[in-house]
Amino acid sequence: RTALKDGLIGDEIPDWKQKHERIRIELYNDAIRRNGIISGEHGIGLVKRDYLARNLGETNVRLMRAVKKAFDPEGILNPGKIF
């Protein structure tokens, strides 16, 4: 059994933040290569927004933002998300 210490299971992985970002980029690139779509159940937010235009194209992203703005001109629904 692994011991729980300070809310962590096991030892901290050195440079985990950099490794996490690199792995995330590789996963998104792989999804795009396989014609997958990057999505989110509750909207595209801070983590996935940088990859969405690569996946769907700038024109589609602009269109999706315009639709959100039409229904939510004040940006109060799902704040911080682009859709």
Protein backbone atom coordinates (compact mmCIF):
# COMPACT_ATOMS: atom_id res chain seq x y z
CA ARG A 1 0.00 0.00 0.00
CA THR A 2 1.20 3.50 -0.84
CA ALA A 3 1.41 5.95 2.03
CA LEU A 4 -0.45 9.26 1.82
CA LYS A 5 1.66 12.22 2.93
CA ASP A 6 0.59 15.87 2.78
CA GLY A 7 -2.24 14.95 0.39
CA LEU A 8 0.16 13.23 -2.03
CA ILE A 9 0.43 9.57 -2.84
CA GLY A 10 4.09 8.61 -3.11
CA ASP A 11 6.98 10.91 -3.85
CA GLU A 12 6.63 14.02 -5.97
CA ILE A 13 7.86 13.54 -9.53
CA PRO A 14 10.66 15.99 -10.35
CA ASP A 15 9.71 18.55 -13.03
CA TRP A 16 6.13 17.20 -13.11
CA LYS A 17 4.66 20.50 -14.33
CA GLN A 18 6.87 20.58 -17.41
CA LYS A 19 6.28 16.88 -18.07
CA HIS A 20 2.53 17.36 -17.67
CA GLU A 21 2.45 20.17 -20.24
CA ARG A 22 4.58 18.21 -22.72
CA ILE A 23 2.36 15.13 -22.35
CA ARG A 24 -0.80 17.22 -22.76
CA ILE A 25 0.54 18.72 -26.01
CA GLU A 26 1.47 15.25 -27.29
CA LEU A 27 -2.01 13.92 -26.46
CA TYR A 28 -3.77 16.77 -28.24
CA ASN A 29 -1.48 16.44 -31.26
CA ASP A 30 -2.21 12.72 -31.38
CA ALA A 31 -5.97 13.35 -31.20
CA ILE A 32 -5.73 15.83 -34.08
CA ARG A 33 -3.63 13.42 -36.18
CA ARG A 34 -6.34 10.80 -35.68
CA ASN A 35 -9.05 13.28 -36.73
CA GLY A 36 -10.34 13.50 -33.18
CA ILE A 37 -11.91 16.61 -31.73
CA ILE A 38 -10.76 18.31 -28.56
CA SER A 39 -13.83 19.04 -26.49
CA GLY A 40 -15.03 19.58 -22.99
CA GLU A 41 -18.20 18.45 -21.33
CA HIS A 42 -18.78 21.85 -19.72
CA GLY A 43 -17.21 24.05 -22.38
CA ILE A 44 -13.76 24.78 -23.68
CA GLY A 45 -11.82 26.64 -21.05
CA LEU A 46 -8.30 27.68 -20.27
CA VAL A 47 -6.61 24.33 -20.80
CA LYS A 48 -8.07 23.34 -24.16
CA ARG A 49 -8.73 26.68 -25.85
CA ASP A 50 -5.21 26.99 -27.29
CA TYR A 51 -5.64 23.70 -29.15
CA LEU A 52 -9.18 24.18 -30.45
CA ALA A 53 -8.34 26.39 -33.45
CA ARG A 54 -5.75 23.85 -34.60
CA ASN A 55 -8.46 21.22 -34.43
CA LEU A 56 -11.46 23.08 -35.88
CA GLY A 57 -9.92 26.05 -37.68
CA GLU A 58 -10.05 29.76 -36.84
CA THR A 59 -13.24 30.37 -38.83
CA ASN A 60 -15.20 27.78 -36.85
CA VAL A 61 -13.87 29.10 -33.54
CA ARG A 62 -14.92 32.66 -34.48
CA LEU A 63 -18.37 31.39 -35.44
CA MET A 64 -18.75 29.49 -32.16
CA ARG A 65 -17.70 32.58 -30.18
CA ALA A 66 -20.25 34.68 -32.08
CA VAL A 67 -23.03 32.21 -31.24
CA LYS A 68 -22.07 32.28 -27.55
CA LYS A 69 -22.00 36.09 -27.60
CA ALA A 70 -25.47 36.18 -29.21
CA PHE A 71 -26.95 34.08 -26.40
CA ASP A 72 -24.74 35.45 -23.60
CA PRO A 73 -23.79 39.05 -24.45
CA GLU A 74 -22.78 39.81 -20.85
CA GLY A 75 -20.59 36.71 -20.52
CA ILE A 76 -22.35 35.55 -17.36
CA LEU A 77 -23.06 31.97 -18.47
CA ASN A 78 -20.12 29.65 -17.87
CA PRO A 79 -17.70 32.53 -17.23
CA GLY A 80 -14.11 31.98 -18.27
CA LYS A 81 -15.09 29.57 -21.03
CA ILE A 82 -15.13 30.47 -24.71
CA PHE A 83 -18.25 28.40 -25.45
